[in-house]
Amino acid sequence: MNASDSIELIGQLAGAEAIAGRFVEIQPEHFCMGLLEFWRLSVNQNEEVVGEEEATRAFVAQIQSLRGTLTRSSIQTPLAR
């Protein structure tokens, strides 16, 4: 698992947001929403997405890092949506 894997997943989440909103193309706000969805992923969800134990640990570490950054920035992600 590397950073590009996380970015790819965030892109997929952004695409899902665009589809849900019936947009023709992905907009910057969809990437923000994808980032917030990425933040919410649990360990179990990571295992479903990634499957590999080592990769899951790396994924969880990236999510925890993002959570810390958002918390330090006083961004309350459940309220941001």
PDB file of N, CA and C in Angstrom:
ATOM      1  N   MET A   1       0.856  -1.182   0.000  1.00  0.00           N
ATOM      2  CA  MET A   1       0.000   0.000   0.000  1.00  0.00           C
ATOM      3  C   MET A   1       0.892   1.231   0.000  1.00  0.00           C
ATOM      4  N   ASN A   2       0.646   2.119  -0.920  1.00  0.00           N
ATOM      5  CA  ASN A   2       1.373   3.378  -0.937  1.00  0.00           C
ATOM      6  C   ASN A   2       0.384   4.523  -1.101  1.00  0.00           C
ATOM      7  N   ALA A   3       0.904   5.728  -1.109  1.00  0.00           N
ATOM      8  CA  ALA A   3       0.025   6.903  -1.163  1.00  0.00           C
ATOM      9  C   ALA A   3      -0.847   6.899  -2.410  1.00  0.00           C
ATOM     10  N   SER A   4      -0.321   6.414  -3.522  1.00  0.00           N
ATOM     11  CA  SER A   4      -1.119   6.442  -4.748  1.00  0.00           C
ATOM     12  C   SER A   4      -2.335   5.522  -4.643  1.00  0.00           C
ATOM     13  N   ASP A   5      -2.233   4.439  -3.844  1.00  0.00           N
ATOM     14  CA  ASP A   5      -3.395   3.579  -3.629  1.00  0.00           C
ATOM     15  C   ASP A   5      -4.499   4.340  -2.907  1.00  0.00           C
ATOM     16  N   SER A   6      -4.116   5.133  -1.923  1.00  0.00           N
ATOM     17  CA  SER A   6      -5.096   5.933  -1.195  1.00  0.00           C
ATOM     18  C   SER A   6      -5.716   6.977  -2.104  1.00  0.00           C
ATOM     19  N   ILE A   7      -4.891   7.598  -2.921  1.00  0.00           N
ATOM     20  CA  ILE A   7      -5.398   8.615  -3.843  1.00  0.00           C
ATOM     21  C   ILE A   7      -6.347   7.982  -4.849  1.00  0.00           C
ATOM     22  N   GLU A   8      -6.014   6.779  -5.307  1.00  0.00           N
ATOM     23  CA  GLU A   8      -6.899   6.088  -6.241  1.00  0.00           C
ATOM     24  C   GLU A   8      -8.258   5.806  -5.604  1.00  0.00           C
ATOM     25  N   LEU A   9      -8.250   5.364  -4.354  1.00  0.00           N
ATOM     26  CA  LEU A   9      -9.511   5.092  -3.659  1.00  0.00           C
ATOM     27  C   LEU A   9     -10.305   6.382  -3.473  1.00  0.00           C
ATOM     28  N   ILE A  10      -9.641   7.455  -3.107  1.00  0.00           N
ATOM     29  CA  ILE A  10     -10.326   8.741  -2.947  1.00  0.00           C
ATOM     30  C   ILE A  10     -10.934   9.172  -4.281  1.00  0.00           C
ATOM     31  N   GLY A  11     -10.223   8.924  -5.374  1.00  0.00           N
ATOM     32  CA  GLY A  11     -10.763   9.220  -6.702  1.00  0.00           C
ATOM     33  C   GLY A  11     -12.003   8.401  -7.011  1.00  0.00           C
ATOM     34  N   GLN A  12     -11.989   7.128  -6.610  1.00  0.00           N
ATOM     35  CA  GLN A  12     -13.154   6.277  -6.818  1.00  0.00           C
ATOM     36  C   GLN A  12     -14.340   6.763  -5.982  1.00  0.00           C
ATOM     37  N   LEU A  13     -14.050   7.162  -4.748  1.00  0.00           N
ATOM     38  CA  LEU A  13     -15.107   7.700  -3.886  1.00  0.00           C
ATOM     39  C   LEU A  13     -15.662   9.001  -4.471  1.00  0.00           C
ATOM     40  N   ALA A  14     -14.773   9.828  -5.029  1.00  0.00           N
ATOM     41  CA  ALA A  14     -15.207  11.075  -5.676  1.00  0.00           C
ATOM     42  C   ALA A  14     -16.106  10.763  -6.868  1.00  0.00           C
ATOM     43  N   GLY A  15     -15.742   9.755  -7.632  1.00  0.00           N
ATOM     44  CA  GLY A  15     -16.564   9.345  -8.768  1.00  0.00           C
ATOM     45  C   GLY A  15     -17.940   8.881  -8.334  1.00  0.00           C
ATOM     46  N   ALA A  16     -17.978   8.144  -7.241  1.00  0.00           N
ATOM     47  CA  ALA A  16     -19.269   7.685  -6.715  1.00  0.00           C
ATOM     48  C   ALA A  16     -20.125   8.869  -6.279  1.00  0.00           C
ATOM     49  N   GLU A  17     -19.489   9.868  -5.682  1.00  0.00           N
ATOM     50  CA  GLU A  17     -20.220  11.073  -5.277  1.00  0.00           C
ATOM     51  C   GLU A  17     -20.777  11.802  -6.502  1.00  0.00           C
ATOM     52  N   ALA A  18     -19.977  11.900  -7.554  1.00  0.00           N
ATOM     53  CA  ALA A  18     -20.430  12.573  -8.773  1.00  0.00           C
ATOM     54  C   ALA A  18     -21.601  11.825  -9.398  1.00  0.00           C
ATOM     55  N   ILE A  19     -21.510  10.498  -9.434  1.00  0.00           N
ATOM     56  CA  ILE A  19     -22.594   9.688  -9.989  1.00  0.00           C
ATOM     57  C   ILE A  19     -23.861   9.851  -9.162  1.00  0.00           C
ATOM     58  N   ALA A  20     -23.704   9.825  -7.833  1.00  0.00           N
ATOM     59  CA  ALA A  20     -24.865   9.965  -6.949  1.00  0.00           C
ATOM     60  C   ALA A  20     -25.559  11.311  -7.162  1.00  0.00           C
ATOM     61  N   GLY A  21     -24.764  12.337  -7.464  1.00  0.00           N
ATOM     62  CA  GLY A  21     -25.325  13.666  -7.704  1.00  0.00           C
ATOM     63  C   GLY A  21     -25.726  13.896  -9.148  1.00  0.00           C
ATOM     64  N   ARG A  22     -25.560  12.873  -9.984  1.00  0.00           N
ATOM     65  CA  ARG A  22     -25.904  12.931 -11.407  1.00  0.00           C
ATOM     66  C   ARG A  22     -25.141  14.023 -12.156  1.00  0.00           C
ATOM     67  N   PHE A  23     -23.857  14.156 -11.792  1.00  0.00           N
ATOM     68  CA  PHE A  23     -22.994  15.093 -12.498  1.00  0.00           C
ATOM     69  C   PHE A  23     -22.386  14.394 -13.708  1.00  0.00           C
ATOM     70  N   VAL A  24     -22.111  15.155 -14.758  1.00  0.00           N
ATOM     71  CA  VAL A  24     -21.524  14.605 -15.977  1.00  0.00           C
ATOM     72  C   VAL A  24     -20.048  14.284 -15.757  1.00  0.00           C
ATOM     73  N   GLU A  25     -19.370  15.083 -14.934  1.00  0.00           N
ATOM     74  CA  GLU A  25     -17.959  14.849 -14.649  1.00  0.00           C
ATOM     75  C   GLU A  25     -17.673  15.122 -13.180  1.00  0.00           C
ATOM     76  N   ILE A  26     -16.533  14.618 -12.728  1.00  0.00           N
ATOM     77  CA  ILE A  26     -16.129  14.798 -11.334  1.00  0.00           C
ATOM     78  C   ILE A  26     -15.651  16.231 -11.144  1.00  0.00           C
ATOM     79  N   GLN A  27     -16.193  16.887 -10.127  1.00  0.00           N
ATOM     80  CA  GLN A  27     -15.831  18.258  -9.790  1.00  0.00           C
ATOM     81  C   GLN A  27     -14.908  18.257  -8.569  1.00  0.00           C
ATOM     82  N   PRO A  28     -14.177  19.346  -8.319  1.00  0.00           N
ATOM     83  CA  PRO A  28     -13.290  19.399  -7.155  1.00  0.00           C
ATOM     84  C   PRO A  28     -13.990  19.081  -5.828  1.00  0.00           C
ATOM     85  N   GLU A  29     -15.234  19.522  -5.694  1.00  0.00           N
ATOM     86  CA  GLU A  29     -15.949  19.253  -4.444  1.00  0.00           C
ATOM     87  C   GLU A  29     -16.203  17.758  -4.242  1.00  0.00           C
ATOM     88  N   HIS A  30     -16.256  17.006  -5.331  1.00  0.00           N
ATOM     89  CA  HIS A  30     -16.430  15.559  -5.199  1.00  0.00           C
ATOM     90  C   HIS A  30     -15.180  14.922  -4.596  1.00  0.00           C
ATOM     91  N   PHE A  31     -14.001  15.478  -4.919  1.00  0.00           N
ATOM     92  CA  PHE A  31     -12.771  14.967  -4.306  1.00  0.00           C
ATOM     93  C   PHE A  31     -12.740  15.282  -2.815  1.00  0.00           C
ATOM     94  N   CYS A  32     -13.251  16.454  -2.442  1.00  0.00           N
ATOM     95  CA  CYS A  32     -13.339  16.778  -1.008  1.00  0.00           C
ATOM     96  C   CYS A  32     -14.270  15.800  -0.309  1.00  0.00           C
ATOM     97  N   MET A  33     -15.381  15.501  -0.934  1.00  0.00           N
ATOM     98  CA  MET A  33     -16.324  14.553  -0.348  1.00  0.00           C
ATOM     99  C   MET A  33     -15.717  13.148  -0.299  1.00  0.00           C
ATOM    100  N   GLY A  34     -14.959  12.790  -1.338  1.00  0.00           N
ATOM    101  CA  GLY A  34     -14.267  11.500  -1.339  1.00  0.00           C
ATOM    102  C   GLY A  34     -13.242  11.412  -0.226  1.00  0.00           C
ATOM    103  N   LEU A  35     -12.541  12.523   0.029  1.00  0.00           N
ATOM    104  CA  LEU A  35     -11.570  12.564   1.119  1.00  0.00           C
ATOM    105  C   LEU A  35     -12.255  12.363   2.464  1.00  0.00           C
ATOM    106  N   LEU A  36     -13.421  12.984   2.636  1.00  0.00           N
ATOM    107  CA  LEU A  36     -14.167  12.808   3.881  1.00  0.00           C
ATOM    108  C   LEU A  36     -14.681  11.381   4.020  1.00  0.00           C
ATOM    109  N   GLU A  37     -15.081  10.769   2.920  1.00  0.00           N
ATOM    110  CA  GLU A  37     -15.517   9.368   2.965  1.00  0.00           C
ATOM    111  C   GLU A  37     -14.338   8.463   3.303  1.00  0.00           C
ATOM    112  N   PHE A  38     -13.168   8.762   2.750  1.00  0.00           N
ATOM    113  CA  PHE A  38     -11.958   8.001   3.049  1.00  0.00           C
ATOM    114  C   PHE A  38     -11.668   8.051   4.546  1.00  0.00           C
ATOM    115  N   TRP A  39     -11.861   9.237   5.129  1.00  0.00           N
ATOM    116  CA  TRP A  39     -11.628   9.439   6.561  1.00  0.00           C
ATOM    117  C   TRP A  39     -12.513   8.519   7.396  1.00  0.00           C
ATOM    118  N   ARG A  40     -13.699   8.264   6.919  1.00  0.00           N
ATOM    119  CA  ARG A  40     -14.670   7.483   7.680  1.00  0.00           C
ATOM    120  C   ARG A  40     -14.461   5.970   7.607  1.00  0.00           C
ATOM    121  N   LEU A  41     -13.646   5.490   6.693  1.00  0.00           N
ATOM    122  CA  LEU A  41     -13.480   4.048   6.520  1.00  0.00           C
ATOM    123  C   LEU A  41     -12.983   3.391   7.810  1.00  0.00           C
ATOM    124  N   SER A  42     -13.595   2.287   8.161  1.00  0.00           N
ATOM    125  CA  SER A  42     -13.184   1.535   9.343  1.00  0.00           C
ATOM    126  C   SER A  42     -12.188   0.455   8.938  1.00  0.00           C
ATOM    127  N   VAL A  43     -11.600  -0.202   9.934  1.00  0.00           N
ATOM    128  CA  VAL A  43     -10.661  -1.286   9.661  1.00  0.00           C
ATOM    129  C   VAL A  43     -11.344  -2.387   8.869  1.00  0.00           C
ATOM    130  N   ASN A  44     -12.567  -2.747   9.238  1.00  0.00           N
ATOM    131  CA  ASN A  44     -13.290  -3.800   8.517  1.00  0.00           C
ATOM    132  C   ASN A  44     -13.540  -3.416   7.068  1.00  0.00           C
ATOM    133  N   GLN A  45     -13.886  -2.165   6.827  1.00  0.00           N
ATOM    134  CA  GLN A  45     -14.105  -1.717   5.457  1.00  0.00           C
ATOM    135  C   GLN A  45     -12.811  -1.758   4.664  1.00  0.00           C
ATOM    136  N   ASN A  46     -11.703  -1.430   5.337  1.00  0.00           N
ATOM    137  CA  ASN A  46     -10.400  -1.496   4.673  1.00  0.00           C
ATOM    138  C   ASN A  46     -10.071  -2.915   4.265  1.00  0.00           C
ATOM    139  N   GLU A  47     -10.357  -3.861   5.129  1.00  0.00           N
ATOM    140  CA  GLU A  47     -10.085  -5.259   4.811  1.00  0.00           C
ATOM    141  C   GLU A  47     -10.900  -5.693   3.600  1.00  0.00           C
ATOM    142  N   GLU A  48     -12.122  -5.210   3.494  1.00  0.00           N
ATOM    143  CA  GLU A  48     -12.957  -5.538   2.338  1.00  0.00           C
ATOM    144  C   GLU A  48     -12.385  -4.937   1.052  1.00  0.00           C
ATOM    145  N   VAL A  49     -11.885  -3.708   1.155  1.00  0.00           N
ATOM    146  CA  VAL A  49     -11.362  -3.014  -0.018  1.00  0.00           C
ATOM    147  C   VAL A  49      -9.986  -3.546  -0.406  1.00  0.00           C
ATOM    148  N   VAL A  50      -9.113  -3.688   0.577  1.00  0.00           N
ATOM    149  CA  VAL A  50      -7.715  -4.013   0.315  1.00  0.00           C
ATOM    150  C   VAL A  50      -7.453  -5.509   0.364  1.00  0.00           C
ATOM    151  N   GLY A  51      -7.951  -6.163   1.383  1.00  0.00           N
ATOM    152  CA  GLY A  51      -7.814  -7.604   1.487  1.00  0.00           C
ATOM    153  C   GLY A  51      -6.544  -8.092   2.152  1.00  0.00           C
ATOM    154  N   GLU A  52      -5.418  -7.472   1.917  1.00  0.00           N
ATOM    155  CA  GLU A  52      -4.153  -7.918   2.478  1.00  0.00           C
ATOM    156  C   GLU A  52      -3.916  -7.282   3.836  1.00  0.00           C
ATOM    157  N   GLU A  53      -3.445  -8.104   4.780  1.00  0.00           N
ATOM    158  CA  GLU A  53      -3.252  -7.616   6.142  1.00  0.00           C
ATOM    159  C   GLU A  53      -2.242  -6.471   6.203  1.00  0.00           C
ATOM    160  N   GLU A  54      -1.098  -6.627   5.545  1.00  0.00           N
ATOM    161  CA  GLU A  54      -0.072  -5.585   5.577  1.00  0.00           C
ATOM    162  C   GLU A  54      -0.565  -4.310   4.909  1.00  0.00           C
ATOM    163  N   ALA A  55      -1.221  -4.462   3.779  1.00  0.00           N
ATOM    164  CA  ALA A  55      -1.759  -3.300   3.072  1.00  0.00           C
ATOM    165  C   ALA A  55      -2.845  -2.624   3.891  1.00  0.00           C
ATOM    166  N   THR A  56      -3.655  -3.429   4.592  1.00  0.00           N
ATOM    167  CA  THR A  56      -4.707  -2.864   5.437  1.00  0.00           C
ATOM    168  C   THR A  56      -4.105  -2.026   6.551  1.00  0.00           C
ATOM    169  N   ARG A  57      -3.033  -2.511   7.152  1.00  0.00           N
ATOM    170  CA  ARG A  57      -2.372  -1.733   8.223  1.00  0.00           C
ATOM    171  C   ARG A  57      -1.865  -0.397   7.679  1.00  0.00           C
ATOM    172  N   ALA A  58      -1.288  -0.418   6.479  1.00  0.00           N
ATOM    173  CA  ALA A  58      -0.793   0.823   5.882  1.00  0.00           C
ATOM    174  C   ALA A  58      -1.950   1.774   5.589  1.00  0.00           C
ATOM    175  N   PHE A  59      -3.045   1.221   5.097  1.00  0.00           N
ATOM    176  CA  PHE A  59      -4.230   2.011   4.799  1.00  0.00           C
ATOM    177  C   PHE A  59      -4.771   2.664   6.068  1.00  0.00           C
ATOM    178  N   VAL A  60      -4.882   1.869   7.133  1.00  0.00           N
ATOM    179  CA  VAL A  60      -5.384   2.378   8.411  1.00  0.00           C
ATOM    180  C   VAL A  60      -4.466   3.471   8.939  1.00  0.00           C
ATOM    181  N   ALA A  61      -3.154   3.293   8.790  1.00  0.00           N
ATOM    182  CA  ALA A  61      -2.209   4.319   9.233  1.00  0.00           C
ATOM    183  C   ALA A  61      -2.420   5.620   8.470  1.00  0.00           C
ATOM    184  N   GLN A  62      -2.686   5.528   7.172  1.00  0.00           N
ATOM    185  CA  GLN A  62      -2.933   6.730   6.383  1.00  0.00           C
ATOM    186  C   GLN A  62      -4.230   7.414   6.817  1.00  0.00           C
ATOM    187  N   ILE A  63      -5.245   6.623   7.080  1.00  0.00           N
ATOM    188  CA  ILE A  63      -6.512   7.194   7.529  1.00  0.00           C
ATOM    189  C   ILE A  63      -6.342   7.861   8.888  1.00  0.00           C
ATOM    190  N   GLN A  64      -5.614   7.214   9.799  1.00  0.00           N
ATOM    191  CA  GLN A  64      -5.390   7.803  11.117  1.00  0.00           C
ATOM    192  C   GLN A  64      -4.596   9.097  10.997  1.00  0.00           C
ATOM    193  N   SER A  65      -3.636   9.136  10.094  1.00  0.00           N
ATOM    194  CA  SER A  65      -2.872  10.362   9.865  1.00  0.00           C
ATOM    195  C   SER A  65      -3.790  11.474   9.363  1.00  0.00           C
ATOM    196  N   LEU A  66      -4.666  11.132   8.435  1.00  0.00           N
ATOM    197  CA  LEU A  66      -5.624  12.118   7.923  1.00  0.00           C
ATOM    198  C   LEU A  66      -6.561  12.594   9.027  1.00  0.00           C
ATOM    199  N   ARG A  67      -7.040  11.674   9.850  1.00  0.00           N
ATOM    200  CA  ARG A  67      -7.914  12.063  10.960  1.00  0.00           C
ATOM    201  C   ARG A  67      -7.210  13.041  11.887  1.00  0.00           C
ATOM    202  N   GLY A  68      -5.936  12.761  12.187  1.00  0.00           N
ATOM    203  CA  GLY A  68      -5.166  13.660  13.041  1.00  0.00           C
ATOM    204  C   GLY A  68      -5.014  15.037  12.431  1.00  0.00           C
ATOM    205  N   THR A  69      -4.730  15.076  11.147  1.00  0.00           N
ATOM    206  CA  THR A  69      -4.578  16.353  10.454  1.00  0.00           C
ATOM    207  C   THR A  69      -5.881  17.144  10.469  1.00  0.00           C
ATOM    208  N   LEU A  70      -6.986  16.474  10.187  1.00  0.00           N
ATOM    209  CA  LEU A  70      -8.280  17.164  10.192  1.00  0.00           C
ATOM    210  C   LEU A  70      -8.640  17.641  11.591  1.00  0.00           C
ATOM    211  N   THR A  71      -8.356  16.837  12.591  1.00  0.00           N
ATOM    212  CA  THR A  71      -8.650  17.228  13.972  1.00  0.00           C
ATOM    213  C   THR A  71      -7.817  18.438  14.382  1.00  0.00           C
ATOM    214  N   ARG A  72      -6.521  18.408  14.055  1.00  0.00           N
ATOM    215  CA  ARG A  72      -5.654  19.545  14.390  1.00  0.00           C
ATOM    216  C   ARG A  72      -6.098  20.814  13.668  1.00  0.00           C
ATOM    217  N   SER A  73      -6.737  20.657  12.528  1.00  0.00           N
ATOM    218  CA  SER A  73      -7.213  21.803  11.756  1.00  0.00           C
ATOM    219  C   SER A  73      -8.619  22.230  12.173  1.00  0.00           C
ATOM    220  N   SER A  74      -9.139  21.578  13.213  1.00  0.00           N
ATOM    221  CA  SER A  74     -10.476  21.863  13.740  1.00  0.00           C
ATOM    222  C   SER A  74     -11.573  21.614  12.701  1.00  0.00           C
ATOM    223  N   ILE A  75     -11.363  20.640  11.843  1.00  0.00           N
ATOM    224  CA  ILE A  75     -12.377  20.267  10.860  1.00  0.00           C
ATOM    225  C   ILE A  75     -13.132  19.078  11.424  1.00  0.00           C
ATOM    226  N   GLN A  76     -14.421  19.258  11.644  1.00  0.00           N
ATOM    227  CA  GLN A  76     -15.269  18.192  12.170  1.00  0.00           C
ATOM    228  C   GLN A  76     -15.955  17.537  10.986  1.00  0.00           C
ATOM    229  N   THR A  77     -15.367  16.442  10.498  1.00  0.00           N
ATOM    230  CA  THR A  77     -15.825  15.854   9.254  1.00  0.00           C
ATOM    231  C   THR A  77     -17.268  15.396   9.231  1.00  0.00           C
ATOM    232  N   PRO A  78     -17.851  14.850  10.297  1.00  0.00           N
ATOM    233  CA  PRO A  78     -19.262  14.483  10.185  1.00  0.00           C
ATOM    234  C   PRO A  78     -20.157  15.698   9.901  1.00  0.00           C
ATOM    235  N   LEU A  79     -19.750  16.867  10.393  1.00  0.00           N
ATOM    236  CA  LEU A  79     -20.529  18.078  10.171  1.00  0.00           C
ATOM    237  C   LEU A  79     -20.248  18.696   8.807  1.00  0.00           C
ATOM    238  N   ALA A  80     -19.109  18.357   8.214  1.00  0.00           N
ATOM    239  CA  ALA A  80     -18.732  18.952   6.933  1.00  0.00           C
ATOM    240  C   ALA A  80     -19.588  18.447   5.800  1.00  0.00           C
ATOM    241  N   ARG A  81     -20.174  17.309   5.960  1.00  0.00           N
ATOM    242  CA  ARG A  81     -20.984  16.726   4.894  1.00  0.00           C
ATOM    243  C   ARG A  81     -22.324  17.306   4.945  1.00  0.00           C
TER     244      ARG A  81
END
